[in-house]
């Protein structure tokens, strides 16, 4: 495994978001961590439209990631 990938997996969400400002690919780790949970929640609310809503949710989160308050806690979920 590439060292950057190993290092990323040990980072909390706030660290991943901060790192993703300079290295956008780091945001993918947040998707890997949280997409299943977000999908289950959205599916319980929207049914079959969940895929699109989850994709939109993460696209928006990526776009505004520089506004995440890292001092409020380490979880982005």
PDB file of N, CA and C in Angstrom:
ATOM      1  N   UNK A   1       0.845  -1.175   0.000  1.00  0.00           N
ATOM      2  CA  UNK A   1       0.000   0.000   0.000  1.00  0.00           C
ATOM      3  C   UNK A   1       0.892   1.240   0.000  1.00  0.00           C
ATOM      4  N   UNK A   2       0.511   2.231  -0.774  1.00  0.00           N
ATOM      5  CA  UNK A   2       1.253   3.474  -0.879  1.00  0.00           C
ATOM      6  C   UNK A   2       1.261   4.175   0.480  1.00  0.00           C
ATOM      7  N   UNK A   3       2.386   4.756   0.912  1.00  0.00           N
ATOM      8  CA  UNK A   3       2.450   5.400   2.230  1.00  0.00           C
ATOM      9  C   UNK A   3       1.402   6.485   2.435  1.00  0.00           C
ATOM     10  N   UNK A   4       1.098   7.261   1.395  1.00  0.00           N
ATOM     11  CA  UNK A   4       0.094   8.310   1.540  1.00  0.00           C
ATOM     12  C   UNK A   4      -1.278   7.728   1.852  1.00  0.00           C
ATOM     13  N   UNK A   5      -1.595   6.576   1.272  1.00  0.00           N
ATOM     14  CA  UNK A   5      -2.877   5.931   1.524  1.00  0.00           C
ATOM     15  C   UNK A   5      -2.931   5.447   2.967  1.00  0.00           C
ATOM     16  N   UNK A   6      -1.862   4.829   3.440  1.00  0.00           N
ATOM     17  CA  UNK A   6      -1.800   4.353   4.818  1.00  0.00           C
ATOM     18  C   UNK A   6      -1.939   5.524   5.782  1.00  0.00           C
ATOM     19  N   UNK A   7      -1.230   6.604   5.508  1.00  0.00           N
ATOM     20  CA  UNK A   7      -1.303   7.793   6.358  1.00  0.00           C
ATOM     21  C   UNK A   7      -2.720   8.360   6.360  1.00  0.00           C
ATOM     22  N   UNK A   8      -3.369   8.415   5.211  1.00  0.00           N
ATOM     23  CA  UNK A   8      -4.728   8.955   5.100  1.00  0.00           C
ATOM     24  C   UNK A   8      -5.704   8.173   5.941  1.00  0.00           C
ATOM     25  N   UNK A   9      -5.579   6.860   5.949  1.00  0.00           N
ATOM     26  CA  UNK A   9      -6.527   6.023   6.680  1.00  0.00           C
ATOM     27  C   UNK A   9      -6.435   6.241   8.183  1.00  0.00           C
ATOM     28  N   UNK A  10      -5.297   6.712   8.664  1.00  0.00           N
ATOM     29  CA  UNK A  10      -5.154   6.953  10.096  1.00  0.00           C
ATOM     30  C   UNK A  10      -5.579   8.367  10.482  1.00  0.00           C
ATOM     31  N   UNK A  11      -5.907   9.196   9.507  1.00  0.00           N
ATOM     32  CA  UNK A  11      -6.323  10.575   9.760  1.00  0.00           C
ATOM     33  C   UNK A  11      -7.806  10.621  10.156  1.00  0.00           C
ATOM     34  N   UNK A  12      -8.157  11.546  11.051  1.00  0.00           N
ATOM     35  CA  UNK A  12      -9.578  11.726  11.330  1.00  0.00           C
ATOM     36  C   UNK A  12     -10.193  12.577  10.217  1.00  0.00           C
ATOM     37  N   UNK A  13     -11.501  12.748  10.264  1.00  0.00           N
ATOM     38  CA  UNK A  13     -12.193  13.458   9.190  1.00  0.00           C
ATOM     39  C   UNK A  13     -11.697  14.892   9.026  1.00  0.00           C
ATOM     40  N   UNK A  14     -11.520  15.594  10.141  1.00  0.00           N
ATOM     41  CA  UNK A  14     -11.062  16.985  10.066  1.00  0.00           C
ATOM     42  C   UNK A  14      -9.701  17.066   9.392  1.00  0.00           C
ATOM     43  N   UNK A  15      -8.800  16.135   9.717  1.00  0.00           N
ATOM     44  CA  UNK A  15      -7.482  16.120   9.086  1.00  0.00           C
ATOM     45  C   UNK A  15      -7.591  15.824   7.591  1.00  0.00           C
ATOM     46  N   UNK A  16      -8.485  14.913   7.219  1.00  0.00           N
ATOM     47  CA  UNK A  16      -8.674  14.588   5.797  1.00  0.00           C
ATOM     48  C   UNK A  16      -9.203  15.787   5.029  1.00  0.00           C
ATOM     49  N   UNK A  17     -10.142  16.498   5.630  1.00  0.00           N
ATOM     50  CA  UNK A  17     -10.697  17.677   4.964  1.00  0.00           C
ATOM     51  C   UNK A  17      -9.622  18.739   4.800  1.00  0.00           C
ATOM     52  N   UNK A  18      -8.863  18.978   5.846  1.00  0.00           N
ATOM     53  CA  UNK A  18      -7.780  19.956   5.764  1.00  0.00           C
ATOM     54  C   UNK A  18      -6.780  19.553   4.690  1.00  0.00           C
ATOM     55  N   UNK A  19      -6.398  18.285   4.667  1.00  0.00           N
ATOM     56  CA  UNK A  19      -5.433  17.800   3.674  1.00  0.00           C
ATOM     57  C   UNK A  19      -6.009  17.875   2.261  1.00  0.00           C
ATOM     58  N   UNK A  20      -7.329  17.735   2.125  1.00  0.00           N
ATOM     59  CA  UNK A  20      -7.941  17.724   0.797  1.00  0.00           C
ATOM     60  C   UNK A  20      -7.928  19.097   0.127  1.00  0.00           C
ATOM     61  N   UNK A  21      -7.666  20.144   0.892  1.00  0.00           N
ATOM     62  CA  UNK A  21      -7.572  21.467   0.287  1.00  0.00           C
ATOM     63  C   UNK A  21      -6.387  21.497  -0.677  1.00  0.00           C
ATOM     64  N   UNK A  22      -5.260  20.947  -0.266  1.00  0.00           N
ATOM     65  CA  UNK A  22      -4.072  20.896  -1.123  1.00  0.00           C
ATOM     66  C   UNK A  22      -4.035  19.647  -1.996  1.00  0.00           C
ATOM     67  N   UNK A  23      -4.637  18.565  -1.517  1.00  0.00           N
ATOM     68  CA  UNK A  23      -4.631  17.288  -2.241  1.00  0.00           C
ATOM     69  C   UNK A  23      -6.070  16.775  -2.306  1.00  0.00           C
ATOM     70  N   UNK A  24      -6.849  17.233  -3.289  1.00  0.00           N
ATOM     71  CA  UNK A  24      -8.279  16.914  -3.349  1.00  0.00           C
ATOM     72  C   UNK A  24      -8.619  15.422  -3.285  1.00  0.00           C
ATOM     73  N   UNK A  25      -7.720  14.577  -3.733  1.00  0.00           N
ATOM     74  CA  UNK A  25      -7.998  13.134  -3.704  1.00  0.00           C
ATOM     75  C   UNK A  25      -8.180  12.602  -2.286  1.00  0.00           C
ATOM     76  N   UNK A  26      -7.678  13.316  -1.282  1.00  0.00           N
ATOM     77  CA  UNK A  26      -7.839  12.891   0.111  1.00  0.00           C
ATOM     78  C   UNK A  26      -9.306  12.898   0.545  1.00  0.00           C
ATOM     79  N   UNK A  27     -10.134  13.693  -0.121  1.00  0.00           N
ATOM     80  CA  UNK A  27     -11.550  13.745   0.226  1.00  0.00           C
ATOM     81  C   UNK A  27     -12.229  12.406  -0.050  1.00  0.00           C
ATOM     82  N   UNK A  28     -11.685  11.635  -0.959  1.00  0.00           N
ATOM     83  CA  UNK A  28     -12.239  10.322  -1.273  1.00  0.00           C
ATOM     84  C   UNK A  28     -12.316   9.408  -0.066  1.00  0.00           C
ATOM     85  N   UNK A  29     -11.409   9.577   0.865  1.00  0.00           N
ATOM     86  CA  UNK A  29     -11.441   8.763   2.078  1.00  0.00           C
ATOM     87  C   UNK A  29     -12.713   9.024   2.876  1.00  0.00           C
ATOM     88  N   UNK A  30     -13.162  10.277   2.900  1.00  0.00           N
ATOM     89  CA  UNK A  30     -14.410  10.592   3.603  1.00  0.00           C
ATOM     90  C   UNK A  30     -15.589   9.911   2.929  1.00  0.00           C
ATOM     91  N   UNK A  31     -15.575   9.888   1.603  1.00  0.00           N
ATOM     92  CA  UNK A  31     -16.631   9.186   0.882  1.00  0.00           C
ATOM     93  C   UNK A  31     -16.611   7.708   1.257  1.00  0.00           C
ATOM     94  N   UNK A  32     -15.439   7.104   1.223  1.00  0.00           N
ATOM     95  CA  UNK A  32     -15.320   5.685   1.573  1.00  0.00           C
ATOM     96  C   UNK A  32     -15.814   5.414   2.988  1.00  0.00           C
ATOM     97  N   UNK A  33     -15.502   6.303   3.903  1.00  0.00           N
ATOM     98  CA  UNK A  33     -15.894   6.120   5.300  1.00  0.00           C
ATOM     99  C   UNK A  33     -17.394   6.286   5.523  1.00  0.00           C
ATOM    100  N   UNK A  34     -17.990   7.290   4.900  1.00  0.00           N
ATOM    101  CA  UNK A  34     -19.324   7.709   5.302  1.00  0.00           C
ATOM    102  C   UNK A  34     -20.442   7.471   4.286  1.00  0.00           C
ATOM    103  N   UNK A  35     -20.105   7.188   3.045  1.00  0.00           N
ATOM    104  CA  UNK A  35     -21.156   7.005   2.029  1.00  0.00           C
ATOM    105  C   UNK A  35     -22.154   5.904   2.393  1.00  0.00           C
ATOM    106  N   UNK A  36     -21.714   4.766   2.909  1.00  0.00           N
ATOM    107  CA  UNK A  36     -22.708   3.737   3.255  1.00  0.00           C
ATOM    108  C   UNK A  36     -23.732   4.210   4.301  1.00  0.00           C
ATOM    109  N   UNK A  37     -23.278   4.939   5.300  1.00  0.00           N
ATOM    110  CA  UNK A  37     -24.170   5.442   6.336  1.00  0.00           C
ATOM    111  C   UNK A  37     -25.114   6.494   5.767  1.00  0.00           C
ATOM    112  N   UNK A  38     -24.567   7.412   4.981  1.00  0.00           N
ATOM    113  CA  UNK A  38     -25.391   8.453   4.365  1.00  0.00           C
ATOM    114  C   UNK A  38     -26.403   7.809   3.423  1.00  0.00           C
ATOM    115  N   UNK A  39     -25.959   6.814   2.661  1.00  0.00           N
ATOM    116  CA  UNK A  39     -26.866   6.134   1.734  1.00  0.00           C
ATOM    117  C   UNK A  39     -28.034   5.480   2.469  1.00  0.00           C
ATOM    118  N   UNK A  40     -27.747   4.773   3.556  1.00  0.00           N
ATOM    119  CA  UNK A  40     -28.824   4.119   4.309  1.00  0.00           C
ATOM    120  C   UNK A  40     -29.836   5.141   4.826  1.00  0.00           C
ATOM    121  N   UNK A  41     -29.335   6.256   5.336  1.00  0.00           N
ATOM    122  CA  UNK A  41     -30.237   7.292   5.835  1.00  0.00           C
ATOM    123  C   UNK A  41     -31.079   7.877   4.698  1.00  0.00           C
ATOM    124  N   UNK A  42     -30.429   8.257   3.613  1.00  0.00           N
ATOM    125  CA  UNK A  42     -31.153   8.883   2.495  1.00  0.00           C
ATOM    126  C   UNK A  42     -32.148   7.895   1.881  1.00  0.00           C
ATOM    127  N   UNK A  43     -31.750   6.637   1.744  1.00  0.00           N
ATOM    128  CA  UNK A  43     -32.661   5.639   1.190  1.00  0.00           C
ATOM    129  C   UNK A  43     -33.901   5.480   2.065  1.00  0.00           C
ATOM    130  N   UNK A  44     -33.731   5.588   3.380  1.00  0.00           N
ATOM    131  CA  UNK A  44     -34.884   5.474   4.273  1.00  0.00           C
ATOM    132  C   UNK A  44     -35.852   6.648   4.102  1.00  0.00           C
ATOM    133  N   UNK A  45     -35.341   7.756   3.590  1.00  0.00           N
ATOM    134  CA  UNK A  45     -36.168   8.952   3.385  1.00  0.00           C
ATOM    135  C   UNK A  45     -36.688   9.079   1.958  1.00  0.00           C
ATOM    136  N   UNK A  46     -35.830   8.745   0.973  1.00  0.00           N
ATOM    137  CA  UNK A  46     -36.172   8.998  -0.428  1.00  0.00           C
ATOM    138  C   UNK A  46     -36.436   7.755  -1.258  1.00  0.00           C
ATOM    139  N   UNK A  47     -36.072   6.607  -0.746  1.00  0.00           N
ATOM    140  CA  UNK A  47     -36.247   5.378  -1.514  1.00  0.00           C
ATOM    141  C   UNK A  47     -35.273   5.296  -2.677  1.00  0.00           C
ATOM    142  N   UNK A  48     -35.761   4.984  -3.875  1.00  0.00           N
ATOM    143  CA  UNK A  48     -34.877   4.702  -5.006  1.00  0.00           C
ATOM    144  C   UNK A  48     -34.054   5.891  -5.511  1.00  0.00           C
ATOM    145  N   UNK A  49     -34.373   7.088  -5.085  1.00  0.00           N
ATOM    146  CA  UNK A  49     -33.603   8.256  -5.517  1.00  0.00           C
ATOM    147  C   UNK A  49     -32.356   8.483  -4.667  1.00  0.00           C
ATOM    148  N   UNK A  50     -32.048   7.577  -3.784  1.00  0.00           N
ATOM    149  CA  UNK A  50     -30.951   7.761  -2.841  1.00  0.00           C
ATOM    150  C   UNK A  50     -29.598   7.927  -3.525  1.00  0.00           C
ATOM    151  N   UNK A  51     -29.323   7.169  -4.574  1.00  0.00           N
ATOM    152  CA  UNK A  51     -28.012   7.262  -5.233  1.00  0.00           C
ATOM    153  C   UNK A  51     -27.699   8.687  -5.669  1.00  0.00           C
ATOM    154  N   UNK A  52     -28.640   9.317  -6.342  1.00  0.00           N
ATOM    155  CA  UNK A  52     -28.418  10.680  -6.820  1.00  0.00           C
ATOM    156  C   UNK A  52     -28.242  11.658  -5.663  1.00  0.00           C
ATOM    157  N   UNK A  53     -29.050  11.507  -4.635  1.00  0.00           N
ATOM    158  CA  UNK A  53     -28.977  12.418  -3.494  1.00  0.00           C
ATOM    159  C   UNK A  53     -27.658  12.267  -2.744  1.00  0.00           C
ATOM    160  N   UNK A  54     -27.180  11.051  -2.597  1.00  0.00           N
ATOM    161  CA  UNK A  54     -25.897  10.826  -1.923  1.00  0.00           C
ATOM    162  C   UNK A  54     -24.770  11.422  -2.755  1.00  0.00           C
ATOM    163  N   UNK A  55     -24.799  11.210  -4.046  1.00  0.00           N
ATOM    164  CA  UNK A  55     -23.789  11.808  -4.923  1.00  0.00           C
ATOM    165  C   UNK A  55     -23.794  13.320  -4.824  1.00  0.00           C
ATOM    166  N   UNK A  56     -24.985  13.901  -4.845  1.00  0.00           N
ATOM    167  CA  UNK A  56     -25.096  15.360  -4.721  1.00  0.00           C
ATOM    168  C   UNK A  56     -24.573  15.839  -3.368  1.00  0.00           C
ATOM    169  N   UNK A  57     -24.880  15.092  -2.313  1.00  0.00           N
ATOM    170  CA  UNK A  57     -24.430  15.457  -0.967  1.00  0.00           C
ATOM    171  C   UNK A  57     -22.913  15.533  -0.894  1.00  0.00           C
ATOM    172  N   UNK A  58     -22.241  14.519  -1.415  1.00  0.00           N
ATOM    173  CA  UNK A  58     -20.779  14.512  -1.361  1.00  0.00           C
ATOM    174  C   UNK A  58     -20.167  15.528  -2.323  1.00  0.00           C
ATOM    175  N   UNK A  59     -20.812  15.783  -3.451  1.00  0.00           N
ATOM    176  CA  UNK A  59     -20.311  16.805  -4.379  1.00  0.00           C
ATOM    177  C   UNK A  59     -20.367  18.187  -3.723  1.00  0.00           C
ATOM    178  N   UNK A  60     -21.455  18.461  -3.026  1.00  0.00           N
ATOM    179  CA  UNK A  60     -21.576  19.746  -2.337  1.00  0.00           C
ATOM    180  C   UNK A  60     -20.581  19.826  -1.184  1.00  0.00           C
ATOM    181  N   UNK A  61     -20.464  18.754  -0.426  1.00  0.00           N
ATOM    182  CA  UNK A  61     -19.512  18.736   0.693  1.00  0.00           C
ATOM    183  C   UNK A  61     -18.092  18.984   0.196  1.00  0.00           C
ATOM    184  N   UNK A  62     -17.739  18.394  -0.944  1.00  0.00           N
ATOM    185  CA  UNK A  62     -16.413  18.615  -1.511  1.00  0.00           C
ATOM    186  C   UNK A  62     -16.236  20.080  -1.901  1.00  0.00           C
ATOM    187  N   UNK A  63     -17.242  20.642  -2.511  1.00  0.00           N
ATOM    188  CA  UNK A  63     -17.177  22.015  -3.001  1.00  0.00           C
ATOM    189  C   UNK A  63     -16.990  23.025  -1.859  1.00  0.00           C
ATOM    190  N   UNK A  64     -17.589  22.750  -0.700  1.00  0.00           N
ATOM    191  CA  UNK A  64     -17.527  23.697   0.422  1.00  0.00           C
ATOM    192  C   UNK A  64     -16.623  23.201   1.556  1.00  0.00           C
ATOM    193  N   UNK A  65     -15.762  22.247   1.266  1.00  0.00           N
ATOM    194  CA  UNK A  65     -14.938  21.644   2.320  1.00  0.00           C
ATOM    195  C   UNK A  65     -14.053  22.646   3.037  1.00  0.00           C
ATOM    196  N   UNK A  66     -13.708  23.749   2.390  1.00  0.00           N
ATOM    197  CA  UNK A  66     -12.873  24.760   3.033  1.00  0.00           C
ATOM    198  C   UNK A  66     -13.615  25.500   4.150  1.00  0.00           C
ATOM    199  N   UNK A  67     -14.937  25.307   4.245  1.00  0.00           N
ATOM    200  CA  UNK A  67     -15.728  25.954   5.289  1.00  0.00           C
ATOM    201  C   UNK A  67     -15.978  25.033   6.484  1.00  0.00           C
ATOM    202  N   UNK A  68     -15.490  23.793   6.432  1.00  0.00           N
ATOM    203  CA  UNK A  68     -15.684  22.858   7.537  1.00  0.00           C
ATOM    204  C   UNK A  68     -14.966  23.370   8.774  1.00  0.00           C
ATOM    205  N   UNK A  69     -15.672  23.435   9.895  1.00  0.00           N
ATOM    206  CA  UNK A  69     -15.103  23.920  11.150  1.00  0.00           C
ATOM    207  C   UNK A  69     -14.382  22.776  11.847  1.00  0.00           C
ATOM    208  N   UNK A  70     -13.076  22.710  11.646  1.00  0.00           N
ATOM    209  CA  UNK A  70     -12.286  21.613  12.222  1.00  0.00           C
ATOM    210  C   UNK A  70     -12.192  21.707  13.742  1.00  0.00           C
ATOM    211  N   UNK A  71     -12.511  22.862  14.313  1.00  0.00           N
ATOM    212  CA  UNK A  71     -12.446  22.988  15.760  1.00  0.00           C
ATOM    213  C   UNK A  71     -13.699  22.438  16.452  1.00  0.00           C
ATOM    214  N   UNK A  72     -14.737  22.153  15.669  1.00  0.00           N
ATOM    215  CA  UNK A  72     -16.008  21.686  16.244  1.00  0.00           C
ATOM    216  C   UNK A  72     -16.031  20.178  16.489  1.00  0.00           C
ATOM    217  N   UNK A  73     -14.992  19.480  16.104  1.00  0.00           N
ATOM    218  CA  UNK A  73     -14.950  18.028  16.263  1.00  0.00           C
ATOM    219  C   UNK A  73     -14.283  17.393  15.086  1.00  0.00           C
ATOM    220  N   UNK A  74     -14.014  16.119  15.191  1.00  0.00           N
ATOM    221  CA  UNK A  74     -13.241  15.471  14.152  1.00  0.00           C
ATOM    222  C   UNK A  74     -14.092  14.706  13.146  1.00  0.00           C
ATOM    223  N   UNK A  75     -15.391  14.551  13.398  1.00  0.00           N
ATOM    224  CA  UNK A  75     -16.229  13.773  12.491  1.00  0.00           C
ATOM    225  C   UNK A  75     -16.990  14.675  11.539  1.00  0.00           C
ATOM    226  N   UNK A  76     -16.925  14.349  10.265  1.00  0.00           N
ATOM    227  CA  UNK A  76     -17.672  15.083   9.244  1.00  0.00           C
ATOM    228  C   UNK A  76     -19.071  14.514   9.062  1.00  0.00           C
ATOM    229  N   UNK A  77     -19.310  13.358   9.616  1.00  0.00           N
ATOM    230  CA  UNK A  77     -20.616  12.714   9.422  1.00  0.00           C
ATOM    231  C   UNK A  77     -21.706  13.557  10.054  1.00  0.00           C
TER     232      UNK A  77
END
